[in-house]
Amino acid sequence: MQRYVDDGKTDALENAEDEFLRRALLLPQEEIARAQPPAEFTPTIPPIIFGQQAQIPEEPFTQTFLNDQLGIGFDGQNLNFSIGNPPGIDQIQVPQAINEGPITLTPRPGGGFDLSIAVPDQ
């Protein structure tokens, strides 16, 4: 009985696929284009931390959040992230510094780290 039920479902799925293809091939391109929603390319910057929004200017900048426990900045050559001890998050311990290629990771005394990434010239 189960085999007959499964065969019936398989046949129904194949028939539905065939019908979909038949209808899709008969539709004019203009009608297909109207059926698609317009693309939305407007970037949105969602709130990052407790309702604050990051605003990233085209020139060097520094922004901090949560009493300087989180930070992001750009000095013209490096993209810098700072993470200290934000409230409600366990202390972050980085065992060693890293200085390889464009990346520098520096542990902070008492927990947290500073991460700097060199931005290549464009």
PDB file of N, CA and C in Angstrom:
ATOM      1  N   MET A   1       0.823  -1.190   0.000  1.00  0.00           N
ATOM      2  CA  MET A   1       0.000   0.000   0.000  1.00  0.00           C
ATOM      3  C   MET A   1       0.874   1.264   0.000  1.00  0.00           C
ATOM      4  N   GLN A   2       1.946   1.224   0.839  1.00  0.00           N
ATOM      5  CA  GLN A   2       2.846   2.376   0.910  1.00  0.00           C
ATOM      6  C   GLN A   2       3.517   2.623  -0.440  1.00  0.00           C
ATOM      7  N   ARG A   3       3.878   1.530  -1.142  1.00  0.00           N
ATOM      8  CA  ARG A   3       4.512   1.682  -2.450  1.00  0.00           C
ATOM      9  C   ARG A   3       3.565   2.362  -3.432  1.00  0.00           C
ATOM     10  N   TYR A   4       2.294   2.029  -3.403  1.00  0.00           N
ATOM     11  CA  TYR A   4       1.321   2.665  -4.298  1.00  0.00           C
ATOM     12  C   TYR A   4       1.164   4.150  -3.967  1.00  0.00           C
ATOM     13  N   VAL A   5       1.170   4.469  -2.685  1.00  0.00           N
ATOM     14  CA  VAL A   5       1.074   5.876  -2.270  1.00  0.00           C
ATOM     15  C   VAL A   5       2.304   6.638  -2.739  1.00  0.00           C
ATOM     16  N   ASP A   6       3.496   6.055  -2.527  1.00  0.00           N
ATOM     17  CA  ASP A   6       4.734   6.710  -2.956  1.00  0.00           C
ATOM     18  C   ASP A   6       4.774   6.878  -4.473  1.00  0.00           C
ATOM     19  N   ASP A   7       4.353   5.834  -5.209  1.00  0.00           N
ATOM     20  CA  ASP A   7       4.318   5.932  -6.673  1.00  0.00           C
ATOM     21  C   ASP A   7       3.359   7.027  -7.120  1.00  0.00           C
ATOM     22  N   GLY A   8       2.236   7.146  -6.437  1.00  0.00           N
ATOM     23  CA  GLY A   8       1.268   8.199  -6.779  1.00  0.00           C
ATOM     24  C   GLY A   8       1.853   9.583  -6.546  1.00  0.00           C
ATOM     25  N   LYS A   9       2.577   9.758  -5.455  1.00  0.00           N
ATOM     26  CA  LYS A   9       3.211  11.049  -5.169  1.00  0.00           C
ATOM     27  C   LYS A   9       4.290  11.354  -6.202  1.00  0.00           C
ATOM     28  N   THR A  10       5.078  10.344  -6.557  1.00  0.00           N
ATOM     29  CA  THR A  10       6.131  10.537  -7.547  1.00  0.00           C
ATOM     30  C   THR A  10       5.535  10.930  -8.892  1.00  0.00           C
ATOM     31  N   ASP A  11       4.468  10.242  -9.299  1.00  0.00           N
ATOM     32  CA  ASP A  11       3.803  10.574 -10.569  1.00  0.00           C
ATOM     33  C   ASP A  11       3.230  11.983 -10.528  1.00  0.00           C
ATOM     34  N   ALA A  12       2.623  12.368  -9.402  1.00  0.00           N
ATOM     35  CA  ALA A  12       2.042  13.702  -9.285  1.00  0.00           C
ATOM     36  C   ALA A  12       3.134  14.769  -9.367  1.00  0.00           C
ATOM     37  N   LEU A  13       4.272  14.528  -8.735  1.00  0.00           N
ATOM     38  CA  LEU A  13       5.380  15.479  -8.784  1.00  0.00           C
ATOM     39  C   LEU A  13       5.921  15.609 -10.204  1.00  0.00           C
ATOM     40  N   GLU A  14       6.085  14.495 -10.892  1.00  0.00           N
ATOM     41  CA  GLU A  14       6.570  14.547 -12.274  1.00  0.00           C
ATOM     42  C   GLU A  14       5.590  15.302 -13.167  1.00  0.00           C
ATOM     43  N   ASN A  15       4.306  15.057 -12.985  1.00  0.00           N
ATOM     44  CA  ASN A  15       3.299  15.764 -13.777  1.00  0.00           C
ATOM     45  C   ASN A  15       3.322  17.266 -13.494  1.00  0.00           C
ATOM     46  N   ALA A  16       3.498  17.619 -12.222  1.00  0.00           N
ATOM     47  CA  ALA A  16       3.554  19.040 -11.862  1.00  0.00           C
ATOM     48  C   ALA A  16       4.783  19.699 -12.478  1.00  0.00           C
ATOM     49  N   GLU A  17       5.922  19.008 -12.457  1.00  0.00           N
ATOM     50  CA  GLU A  17       7.136  19.560 -13.067  1.00  0.00           C
ATOM     51  C   GLU A  17       6.954  19.747 -14.568  1.00  0.00           C
ATOM     52  N   ASP A  18       6.368  18.752 -15.227  1.00  0.00           N
ATOM     53  CA  ASP A  18       6.132  18.850 -16.671  1.00  0.00           C
ATOM     54  C   ASP A  18       5.203  20.016 -16.990  1.00  0.00           C
ATOM     55  N   GLU A  19       4.147  20.182 -16.205  1.00  0.00           N
ATOM     56  CA  GLU A  19       3.200  21.274 -16.432  1.00  0.00           C
ATOM     57  C   GLU A  19       3.863  22.630 -16.199  1.00  0.00           C
ATOM     58  N   PHE A  20       4.698  22.719 -15.165  1.00  0.00           N
ATOM     59  CA  PHE A  20       5.409  23.967 -14.894  1.00  0.00           C
ATOM     60  C   PHE A  20       6.302  24.336 -16.073  1.00  0.00           C
ATOM     61  N   LEU A  21       7.070  23.373 -16.568  1.00  0.00           N
ATOM     62  CA  LEU A  21       7.944  23.642 -17.708  1.00  0.00           C
ATOM     63  C   LEU A  21       7.142  24.044 -18.938  1.00  0.00           C
ATOM     64  N   ARG A  22       6.039  23.365 -19.192  1.00  0.00           N
ATOM     65  CA  ARG A  22       5.210  23.687 -20.361  1.00  0.00           C
ATOM     66  C   ARG A  22       4.702  25.115 -20.276  1.00  0.00           C
ATOM     67  N   ARG A  23       4.204  25.491 -19.095  1.00  0.00           N
ATOM     68  CA  ARG A  23       3.688  26.853 -18.936  1.00  0.00           C
ATOM     69  C   ARG A  23       4.798  27.902 -18.988  1.00  0.00           C
ATOM     70  N   ALA A  24       5.949  27.600 -18.389  1.00  0.00           N
ATOM     71  CA  ALA A  24       7.054  28.551 -18.384  1.00  0.00           C
ATOM     72  C   ALA A  24       7.569  28.811 -19.786  1.00  0.00           C
ATOM     73  N   LEU A  25       7.598  27.765 -20.614  1.00  0.00           N
ATOM     74  CA  LEU A  25       8.099  27.945 -21.975  1.00  0.00           C
ATOM     75  C   LEU A  25       7.107  28.692 -22.857  1.00  0.00           C
ATOM     76  N   LEU A  26       5.846  28.694 -22.506  1.00  0.00           N
ATOM     77  CA  LEU A  26       4.829  29.380 -23.309  1.00  0.00           C
ATOM     78  C   LEU A  26       4.677  30.853 -22.937  1.00  0.00           C
ATOM     79  N   LEU A  27       5.189  31.257 -21.769  1.00  0.00           N
ATOM     80  CA  LEU A  27       5.031  32.648 -21.342  1.00  0.00           C
ATOM     81  C   LEU A  27       5.999  33.554 -22.098  1.00  0.00           C
ATOM     82  N   PRO A  28       5.536  34.703 -22.546  1.00  0.00           N
ATOM     83  CA  PRO A  28       6.452  35.655 -23.164  1.00  0.00           C
ATOM     84  C   PRO A  28       7.404  36.238 -22.118  1.00  0.00           C
ATOM     85  N   GLN A  29       8.581  36.672 -22.553  1.00  0.00           N
ATOM     86  CA  GLN A  29       9.584  37.212 -21.656  1.00  0.00           C
ATOM     87  C   GLN A  29       9.080  38.433 -20.886  1.00  0.00           C
ATOM     88  N   GLU A  30       8.251  39.272 -21.528  1.00  0.00           N
ATOM     89  CA  GLU A  30       7.741  40.465 -20.865  1.00  0.00           C
ATOM     90  C   GLU A  30       6.880  40.088 -19.653  1.00  0.00           C
ATOM     91  N   GLU A  31       6.098  39.047 -19.793  1.00  0.00           N
ATOM     92  CA  GLU A  31       5.231  38.617 -18.693  1.00  0.00           C
ATOM     93  C   GLU A  31       6.060  38.040 -17.546  1.00  0.00           C
ATOM     94  N   ILE A  32       7.126  37.340 -17.875  1.00  0.00           N
ATOM     95  CA  ILE A  32       8.007  36.801 -16.840  1.00  0.00           C
ATOM     96  C   ILE A  32       8.681  37.944 -16.091  1.00  0.00           C
ATOM     97  N   ALA A  33       9.123  38.972 -16.835  1.00  0.00           N
ATOM     98  CA  ALA A  33       9.781  40.121 -16.202  1.00  0.00           C
ATOM     99  C   ALA A  33       8.818  40.847 -15.269  1.00  0.00           C
ATOM    100  N   ARG A  34       7.542  40.954 -15.642  1.00  0.00           N
ATOM    101  CA  ARG A  34       6.561  41.615 -14.782  1.00  0.00           C
ATOM    102  C   ARG A  34       6.304  40.817 -13.519  1.00  0.00           C
ATOM    103  N   ALA A  35       6.477  39.519 -13.573  1.00  0.00           N
ATOM    104  CA  ALA A  35       6.205  38.671 -12.415  1.00  0.00           C
ATOM    105  C   ALA A  35       7.308  38.778 -11.364  1.00  0.00           C
ATOM    106  N   GLN A  36       8.499  39.224 -11.761  1.00  0.00           N
ATOM    107  CA  GLN A  36       9.600  39.340 -10.812  1.00  0.00           C
ATOM    108  C   GLN A  36       9.523  40.677 -10.105  1.00  0.00           C
ATOM    109  N   PRO A  37       9.743  40.695  -8.791  1.00  0.00           N
ATOM    110  CA  PRO A  37       9.753  41.974  -8.078  1.00  0.00           C
ATOM    111  C   PRO A  37      10.986  42.779  -8.490  1.00  0.00           C
ATOM    112  N   PRO A  38      10.881  44.101  -8.464  1.00  0.00           N
ATOM    113  CA  PRO A  38      12.051  44.914  -8.829  1.00  0.00           C
ATOM    114  C   PRO A  38      13.163  44.726  -7.799  1.00  0.00           C
ATOM    115  N   ALA A  39      14.390  44.762  -8.285  1.00  0.00           N
ATOM    116  CA  ALA A  39      15.541  44.597  -7.399  1.00  0.00           C
ATOM    117  C   ALA A  39      15.711  45.846  -6.539  1.00  0.00           C
ATOM    118  N   GLU A  40      16.011  45.624  -5.283  1.00  0.00           N
ATOM    119  CA  GLU A  40      16.217  46.722  -4.342  1.00  0.00           C
ATOM    120  C   GLU A  40      17.685  46.732  -3.942  1.00  0.00           C
ATOM    121  N   PHE A  41      18.411  47.757  -4.395  1.00  0.00           N
ATOM    122  CA  PHE A  41      19.844  47.825  -4.137  1.00  0.00           C
ATOM    123  C   PHE A  41      20.206  48.934  -3.159  1.00  0.00           C
ATOM    124  N   THR A  42      19.246  49.498  -2.465  1.00  0.00           N
ATOM    125  CA  THR A  42      19.532  50.556  -1.507  1.00  0.00           C
ATOM    126  C   THR A  42      20.135  49.934  -0.254  1.00  0.00           C
ATOM    127  N   PRO A  43      21.387  50.282   0.060  1.00  0.00           N
ATOM    128  CA  PRO A  43      21.987  49.674   1.251  1.00  0.00           C
ATOM    129  C   PRO A  43      21.347  50.226   2.520  1.00  0.00           C
ATOM    130  N   THR A  44      21.170  49.361   3.466  1.00  0.00           N
ATOM    131  CA  THR A  44      20.667  49.788   4.771  1.00  0.00           C
ATOM    132  C   THR A  44      21.702  49.414   5.812  1.00  0.00           C
ATOM    133  N   ILE A  45      21.913  50.297   6.749  1.00  0.00           N
ATOM    134  CA  ILE A  45      22.838  50.029   7.847  1.00  0.00           C
ATOM    135  C   ILE A  45      21.982  49.809   9.087  1.00  0.00           C
ATOM    136  N   PRO A  46      21.858  48.542   9.496  1.00  0.00           N
ATOM    137  CA  PRO A  46      21.005  48.270  10.664  1.00  0.00           C
ATOM    138  C   PRO A  46      21.668  48.762  11.942  1.00  0.00           C
ATOM    139  N   PRO A  47      20.877  48.996  12.980  1.00  0.00           N
ATOM    140  CA  PRO A  47      21.470  49.363  14.266  1.00  0.00           C
ATOM    141  C   PRO A  47      22.452  48.278  14.704  1.00  0.00           C
ATOM    142  N   ILE A  48      23.595  48.704  15.182  1.00  0.00           N
ATOM    143  CA  ILE A  48      24.622  47.740  15.554  1.00  0.00           C
ATOM    144  C   ILE A  48      24.576  47.432  17.041  1.00  0.00           C
ATOM    145  N   ILE A  49      24.667  48.455  17.871  1.00  0.00           N
ATOM    146  CA  ILE A  49      24.793  48.217  19.307  1.00  0.00           C
ATOM    147  C   ILE A  49      23.798  49.091  20.047  1.00  0.00           C
ATOM    148  N   PHE A  50      22.849  48.458  20.680  1.00  0.00           N
ATOM    149  CA  PHE A  50      21.869  49.152  21.507  1.00  0.00           C
ATOM    150  C   PHE A  50      21.255  50.343  20.776  1.00  0.00           C
ATOM    151  N   GLY A  51      20.898  50.135  19.501  1.00  0.00           N
ATOM    152  CA  GLY A  51      20.216  51.172  18.749  1.00  0.00           C
ATOM    153  C   GLY A  51      21.117  52.200  18.100  1.00  0.00           C
ATOM    154  N   GLN A  52      22.422  52.174  18.359  1.00  0.00           N
ATOM    155  CA  GLN A  52      23.320  53.121  17.703  1.00  0.00           C
ATOM    156  C   GLN A  52      23.651  52.611  16.311  1.00  0.00           C
ATOM    157  N   GLN A  53      23.735  53.538  15.374  1.00  0.00           N
ATOM    158  CA  GLN A  53      24.091  53.162  14.017  1.00  0.00           C
ATOM    159  C   GLN A  53      25.506  53.599  13.713  1.00  0.00           C
ATOM    160  N   ALA A  54      26.228  52.743  13.013  1.00  0.00           N
ATOM    161  CA  ALA A  54      27.556  53.117  12.567  1.00  0.00           C
ATOM    162  C   ALA A  54      27.417  54.001  11.335  1.00  0.00           C
ATOM    163  N   GLN A  55      28.163  55.069  11.297  1.00  0.00           N
ATOM    164  CA  GLN A  55      28.190  55.931  10.130  1.00  0.00           C
ATOM    165  C   GLN A  55      29.626  55.950   9.636  1.00  0.00           C
ATOM    166  N   ILE A  56      29.837  55.393   8.454  1.00  0.00           N
ATOM    167  CA  ILE A  56      31.183  55.236   7.946  1.00  0.00           C
ATOM    168  C   ILE A  56      31.436  56.291   6.875  1.00  0.00           C
ATOM    169  N   PRO A  57      32.221  57.312   7.185  1.00  0.00           N
ATOM    170  CA  PRO A  57      32.522  58.359   6.213  1.00  0.00           C
ATOM    171  C   PRO A  57      33.601  57.913   5.234  1.00  0.00           C
ATOM    172  N   GLU A  58      33.834  58.732   4.228  1.00  0.00           N
ATOM    173  CA  GLU A  58      34.824  58.431   3.206  1.00  0.00           C
ATOM    174  C   GLU A  58      36.249  58.752   3.651  1.00  0.00           C
ATOM    175  N   GLU A  59      36.414  59.428   4.751  1.00  0.00           N
ATOM    176  CA  GLU A  59      37.731  59.862   5.219  1.00  0.00           C
ATOM    177  C   GLU A  59      38.047  59.173   6.539  1.00  0.00           C
ATOM    178  N   PRO A  60      39.263  59.337   7.068  1.00  0.00           N
ATOM    179  CA  PRO A  60      39.585  58.696   8.352  1.00  0.00           C
ATOM    180  C   PRO A  60      38.567  59.039   9.448  1.00  0.00           C
ATOM    181  N   PHE A  61      38.285  58.059  10.293  1.00  0.00           N
ATOM    182  CA  PHE A  61      37.288  58.236  11.352  1.00  0.00           C
ATOM    183  C   PHE A  61      37.573  57.271  12.497  1.00  0.00           C
ATOM    184  N   THR A  62      36.934  57.526  13.619  1.00  0.00           N
ATOM    185  CA  THR A  62      36.957  56.624  14.768  1.00  0.00           C
ATOM    186  C   THR A  62      35.595  56.703  15.441  1.00  0.00           C
ATOM    187  N   GLN A  63      35.011  55.552  15.727  1.00  0.00           N
ATOM    188  CA  GLN A  63      33.754  55.491  16.465  1.00  0.00           C
ATOM    189  C   GLN A  63      33.905  54.467  17.579  1.00  0.00           C
ATOM    190  N   THR A  64      33.384  54.806  18.734  1.00  0.00           N
ATOM    191  CA  THR A  64      33.421  53.878  19.858  1.00  0.00           C
ATOM    192  C   THR A  64      32.015  53.692  20.407  1.00  0.00           C
ATOM    193  N   PHE A  65      31.823  52.553  21.051  1.00  0.00           N
ATOM    194  CA  PHE A  65      30.538  52.202  21.632  1.00  0.00           C
ATOM    195  C   PHE A  65      30.778  51.608  23.014  1.00  0.00           C
ATOM    196  N   LEU A  66      29.740  51.593  23.830  1.00  0.00           N
ATOM    197  CA  LEU A  66      29.757  50.956  25.147  1.00  0.00           C
ATOM    198  C   LEU A  66      30.955  51.392  25.983  1.00  0.00           C
ATOM    199  N   ASN A  67      31.054  52.701  26.198  1.00  0.00           N
ATOM    200  CA  ASN A  67      32.140  53.254  27.026  1.00  0.00           C
ATOM    201  C   ASN A  67      33.522  52.815  26.528  1.00  0.00           C
ATOM    202  N   ASP A  68      33.724  52.941  25.254  1.00  0.00           N
ATOM    203  CA  ASP A  68      35.001  52.616  24.606  1.00  0.00           C
ATOM    204  C   ASP A  68      35.376  51.136  24.674  1.00  0.00           C
ATOM    205  N   GLN A  69      34.413  50.256  24.912  1.00  0.00           N
ATOM    206  CA  GLN A  69      34.710  48.828  24.930  1.00  0.00           C
ATOM    207  C   GLN A  69      34.666  48.217  23.534  1.00  0.00           C
ATOM    208  N   LEU A  70      33.973  48.874  22.617  1.00  0.00           N
ATOM    209  CA  LEU A  70      33.950  48.448  21.221  1.00  0.00           C
ATOM    210  C   LEU A  70      34.293  49.659  20.367  1.00  0.00           C
ATOM    211  N   GLY A  71      35.095  49.451  19.349  1.00  0.00           N
ATOM    212  CA  GLY A  71      35.453  50.576  18.497  1.00  0.00           C
ATOM    213  C   GLY A  71      35.768  50.131  17.084  1.00  0.00           C
ATOM    214  N   ILE A  72      35.583  51.039  16.162  1.00  0.00           N
ATOM    215  CA  ILE A  72      35.936  50.825  14.766  1.00  0.00           C
ATOM    216  C   ILE A  72      36.511  52.132  14.263  1.00  0.00           C
ATOM    217  N   GLY A  73      37.515  52.034  13.418  1.00  0.00           N
ATOM    218  CA  GLY A  73      38.130  53.247  12.908  1.00  0.00           C
ATOM    219  C   GLY A  73      38.918  52.973  11.645  1.00  0.00           C
ATOM    220  N   PHE A  74      39.235  54.046  10.945  1.00  0.00           N
ATOM    221  CA  PHE A  74      40.069  53.980   9.751  1.00  0.00           C
ATOM    222  C   PHE A  74      40.980  55.189   9.785  1.00  0.00           C
ATOM    223  N   ASP A  75      42.287  54.952   9.741  1.00  0.00           N
ATOM    224  CA  ASP A  75      43.235  56.056   9.835  1.00  0.00           C
ATOM    225  C   ASP A  75      43.803  56.477   8.485  1.00  0.00           C
ATOM    226  N   GLY A  76      43.234  55.977   7.415  1.00  0.00           N
ATOM    227  CA  GLY A  76      43.715  56.290   6.075  1.00  0.00           C
ATOM    228  C   GLY A  76      44.525  55.156   5.482  1.00  0.00           C
ATOM    229  N   GLN A  77      45.070  54.298   6.337  1.00  0.00           N
ATOM    230  CA  GLN A  77      45.852  53.163   5.862  1.00  0.00           C
ATOM    231  C   GLN A  77      45.395  51.842   6.462  1.00  0.00           C
ATOM    232  N   ASN A  78      44.850  51.883   7.686  1.00  0.00           N
ATOM    233  CA  ASN A  78      44.462  50.664   8.395  1.00  0.00           C
ATOM    234  C   ASN A  78      43.024  50.744   8.873  1.00  0.00           C
ATOM    235  N   LEU A  79      42.339  49.619   8.793  1.00  0.00           N
ATOM    236  CA  LEU A  79      41.015  49.467   9.375  1.00  0.00           C
ATOM    237  C   LEU A  79      41.234  48.877  10.761  1.00  0.00           C
ATOM    238  N   ASN A  80      40.753  49.555  11.795  1.00  0.00           N
ATOM    239  CA  ASN A  80      41.042  49.175  13.173  1.00  0.00           C
ATOM    240  C   ASN A  80      39.763  48.801  13.918  1.00  0.00           C
ATOM    241  N   PHE A  81      39.815  47.651  14.587  1.00  0.00           N
ATOM    242  CA  PHE A  81      38.722  47.197  15.439  1.00  0.00           C
ATOM    243  C   PHE A  81      39.270  47.071  16.852  1.00  0.00           C
ATOM    244  N   SER A  82      38.524  47.526  17.832  1.00  0.00           N
ATOM    245  CA  SER A  82      38.916  47.397  19.228  1.00  0.00           C
ATOM    246  C   SER A  82      37.788  46.719  19.980  1.00  0.00           C
ATOM    247  N   ILE A  83      38.132  45.669  20.688  1.00  0.00           N
ATOM    248  CA  ILE A  83      37.143  44.957  21.495  1.00  0.00           C
ATOM    249  C   ILE A  83      37.727  44.792  22.884  1.00  0.00           C
ATOM    250  N   GLY A  84      37.061  45.368  23.861  1.00  0.00           N
ATOM    251  CA  GLY A  84      37.505  45.284  25.248  1.00  0.00           C
ATOM    252  C   GLY A  84      36.691  44.266  26.006  1.00  0.00           C
ATOM    253  N   ASN A  85      36.006  44.724  27.041  1.00  0.00           N
ATOM    254  CA  ASN A  85      35.158  43.867  27.865  1.00  0.00           C
ATOM    255  C   ASN A  85      33.744  44.442  27.894  1.00  0.00           C
ATOM    256  N   PRO A  86      32.972  44.235  26.828  1.00  0.00           N
ATOM    257  CA  PRO A  86      31.596  44.740  26.821  1.00  0.00           C
ATOM    258  C   PRO A  86      30.770  44.084  27.919  1.00  0.00           C
ATOM    259  N   PRO A  87      29.832  44.832  28.495  1.00  0.00           N
ATOM    260  CA  PRO A  87      28.989  44.255  29.548  1.00  0.00           C
ATOM    261  C   PRO A  87      28.158  43.094  29.014  1.00  0.00           C
ATOM    262  N   GLY A  88      28.049  42.059  29.833  1.00  0.00           N
ATOM    263  CA  GLY A  88      27.238  40.903  29.470  1.00  0.00           C
ATOM    264  C   GLY A  88      27.977  39.870  28.642  1.00  0.00           C
ATOM    265  N   ILE A  89      29.255  40.102  28.349  1.00  0.00           N
ATOM    266  CA  ILE A  89      30.042  39.161  27.555  1.00  0.00           C
ATOM    267  C   ILE A  89      31.236  38.722  28.394  1.00  0.00           C
ATOM    268  N   ASP A  90      31.507  37.423  28.375  1.00  0.00           N
ATOM    269  CA  ASP A  90      32.656  36.916  29.123  1.00  0.00           C
ATOM    270  C   ASP A  90      33.933  37.571  28.621  1.00  0.00           C
ATOM    271  N   GLN A  91      34.891  37.672  29.523  1.00  0.00           N
ATOM    272  CA  GLN A  91      36.162  38.306  29.186  1.00  0.00           C
ATOM    273  C   GLN A  91      36.849  37.542  28.052  1.00  0.00           C
ATOM    274  N   ILE A  92      37.331  38.283  27.053  1.00  0.00           N
ATOM    275  CA  ILE A  92      37.999  37.691  25.902  1.00  0.00           C
ATOM    276  C   ILE A  92      39.502  37.715  26.156  1.00  0.00           C
ATOM    277  N   GLN A  93      40.112  36.552  26.155  1.00  0.00           N
ATOM    278  CA  GLN A  93      41.552  36.449  26.354  1.00  0.00           C
ATOM    279  C   GLN A  93      42.201  35.950  25.062  1.00  0.00           C
ATOM    280  N   VAL A  94      43.086  36.747  24.496  1.00  0.00           N
ATOM    281  CA  VAL A  94      43.840  36.354  23.312  1.00  0.00           C
ATOM    282  C   VAL A  94      45.229  35.946  23.794  1.00  0.00           C
ATOM    283  N   PRO A  95      45.653  34.704  23.522  1.00  0.00           N
ATOM    284  CA  PRO A  95      46.897  34.207  24.103  1.00  0.00           C
ATOM    285  C   PRO A  95      48.175  34.872  23.586  1.00  0.00           C
ATOM    286  N   GLN A  96      48.176  35.335  22.349  1.00  0.00           N
ATOM    287  CA  GLN A  96      49.410  35.932  21.824  1.00  0.00           C
ATOM    288  C   GLN A  96      49.094  36.930  20.725  1.00  0.00           C
ATOM    289  N   ALA A  97      50.040  37.814  20.496  1.00  0.00           N
ATOM    290  CA  ALA A  97      49.898  38.800  19.431  1.00  0.00           C
ATOM    291  C   ALA A  97      50.183  38.143  18.086  1.00  0.00           C
ATOM    292  N   ILE A  98      49.606  38.709  17.047  1.00  0.00           N
ATOM    293  CA  ILE A  98      49.844  38.237  15.676  1.00  0.00           C
ATOM    294  C   ILE A  98      50.245  39.449  14.855  1.00  0.00           C
ATOM    295  N   ASN A  99      51.300  39.307  14.093  1.00  0.00           N
ATOM    296  CA  ASN A  99      51.723  40.370  13.193  1.00  0.00           C
ATOM    297  C   ASN A  99      52.191  39.699  11.907  1.00  0.00           C
ATOM    298  N   GLU A 100      51.228  39.405  11.038  1.00  0.00           N
ATOM    299  CA  GLU A 100      51.534  38.702   9.801  1.00  0.00           C
ATOM    300  C   GLU A 100      50.890  39.421   8.633  1.00  0.00           C
ATOM    301  N   GLY A 101      51.720  39.838   7.694  1.00  0.00           N
ATOM    302  CA  GLY A 101      51.216  40.495   6.499  1.00  0.00           C
ATOM    303  C   GLY A 101      50.436  41.737   6.863  1.00  0.00           C
ATOM    304  N   PRO A 102      49.222  41.851   6.353  1.00  0.00           N
ATOM    305  CA  PRO A 102      48.441  43.059   6.605  1.00  0.00           C
ATOM    306  C   PRO A 102      47.683  43.046   7.928  1.00  0.00           C
ATOM    307  N   ILE A 103      47.825  41.986   8.726  1.00  0.00           N
ATOM    308  CA  ILE A 103      47.025  41.845   9.946  1.00  0.00           C
ATOM    309  C   ILE A 103      47.890  41.946  11.195  1.00  0.00           C
ATOM    310  N   THR A 104      47.440  42.782  12.127  1.00  0.00           N
ATOM    311  CA  THR A 104      48.082  42.891  13.434  1.00  0.00           C
ATOM    312  C   THR A 104      47.009  42.713  14.497  1.00  0.00           C
ATOM    313  N   LEU A 105      47.213  41.753  15.382  1.00  0.00           N
ATOM    314  CA  LEU A 105      46.296  41.486  16.487  1.00  0.00           C
ATOM    315  C   LEU A 105      47.080  41.663  17.785  1.00  0.00           C
ATOM    316  N   THR A 106      46.606  42.574  18.625  1.00  0.00           N
ATOM    317  CA  THR A 106      47.302  42.880  19.869  1.00  0.00           C
ATOM    318  C   THR A 106      46.368  42.631  21.052  1.00  0.00           C
ATOM    319  N   PRO A 107      46.725  41.685  21.938  1.00  0.00           N
ATOM    320  CA  PRO A 107      45.897  41.462  23.136  1.00  0.00           C
ATOM    321  C   PRO A 107      45.931  42.688  24.047  1.00  0.00           C
ATOM    322  N   ARG A 108      44.814  42.953  24.714  1.00  0.00           N
ATOM    323  CA  ARG A 108      44.736  44.045  25.685  1.00  0.00           C
ATOM    324  C   ARG A 108      44.948  43.499  27.083  1.00  0.00           C
ATOM    325  N   PRO A 109      45.661  44.249  27.931  1.00  0.00           N
ATOM    326  CA  PRO A 109      45.755  43.814  29.330  1.00  0.00           C
ATOM    327  C   PRO A 109      44.357  43.830  29.960  1.00  0.00           C
ATOM    328  N   GLY A 110      43.999  42.785  30.652  1.00  0.00           N
ATOM    329  CA  GLY A 110      42.687  42.718  31.285  1.00  0.00           C
ATOM    330  C   GLY A 110      41.611  42.156  30.378  1.00  0.00           C
ATOM    331  N   GLY A 111      41.953  41.749  29.165  1.00  0.00           N
ATOM    332  CA  GLY A 111      40.991  41.127  28.254  1.00  0.00           C
ATOM    333  C   GLY A 111      40.656  42.001  27.065  1.00  0.00           C
ATOM    334  N   GLY A 112      40.361  41.348  25.983  1.00  0.00           N
ATOM    335  CA  GLY A 112      40.031  42.039  24.748  1.00  0.00           C
ATOM    336  C   GLY A 112      41.233  42.108  23.829  1.00  0.00           C
ATOM    337  N   PHE A 113      41.061  42.793  22.699  1.00  0.00           N
ATOM    338  CA  PHE A 113      42.148  42.885  21.726  1.00  0.00           C
ATOM    339  C   PHE A 113      41.899  44.060  20.790  1.00  0.00           C
ATOM    340  N   ASP A 114      42.955  44.426  20.090  1.00  0.00           N
ATOM    341  CA  ASP A 114      42.891  45.410  19.022  1.00  0.00           C
ATOM    342  C   ASP A 114      43.307  44.709  17.738  1.00  0.00           C
ATOM    343  N   LEU A 115      42.533  44.873  16.691  1.00  0.00           N
ATOM    344  CA  LEU A 115      42.796  44.247  15.405  1.00  0.00           C
ATOM    345  C   LEU A 115      42.968  45.347  14.362  1.00  0.00           C
ATOM    346  N   SER A 116      44.054  45.290  13.646  1.00  0.00           N
ATOM    347  CA  SER A 116      44.319  46.285  12.605  1.00  0.00           C
ATOM    348  C   SER A 116      44.582  45.539  11.291  1.00  0.00           C
ATOM    349  N   ILE A 117      43.890  45.967  10.233  1.00  0.00           N
ATOM    350  CA  ILE A 117      44.036  45.350   8.920  1.00  0.00           C
ATOM    351  C   ILE A 117      44.463  46.443   7.944  1.00  0.00           C
ATOM    352  N   ALA A 118      45.610  46.260   7.319  1.00  0.00           N
ATOM    353  CA  ALA A 118      46.097  47.228   6.343  1.00  0.00           C
ATOM    354  C   ALA A 118      45.217  47.166   5.099  1.00  0.00           C
ATOM    355  N   VAL A 119      44.783  48.325   4.635  1.00  0.00           N
ATOM    356  CA  VAL A 119      43.931  48.406   3.451  1.00  0.00           C
ATOM    357  C   VAL A 119      44.833  48.666   2.249  1.00  0.00           C
ATOM    358  N   PRO A 120      44.783  47.798   1.247  1.00  0.00           N
ATOM    359  CA  PRO A 120      45.651  48.002   0.085  1.00  0.00           C
ATOM    360  C   PRO A 120      45.227  49.238  -0.710  1.00  0.00           C
ATOM    361  N   ASP A 121      46.196  49.859  -1.351  1.00  0.00           N
ATOM    362  CA  ASP A 121      45.884  51.004  -2.218  1.00  0.00           C
ATOM    363  C   ASP A 121      45.066  50.508  -3.401  1.00  0.00           C
ATOM    364  N   GLN A 122      44.080  51.332  -3.783  1.00  0.00           N
ATOM    365  CA  GLN A 122      43.210  50.908  -4.889  1.00  0.00           C
ATOM    366  C   GLN A 122      43.468  51.735  -6.105  1.00  0.00           C
TER     367      GLN A 122
END
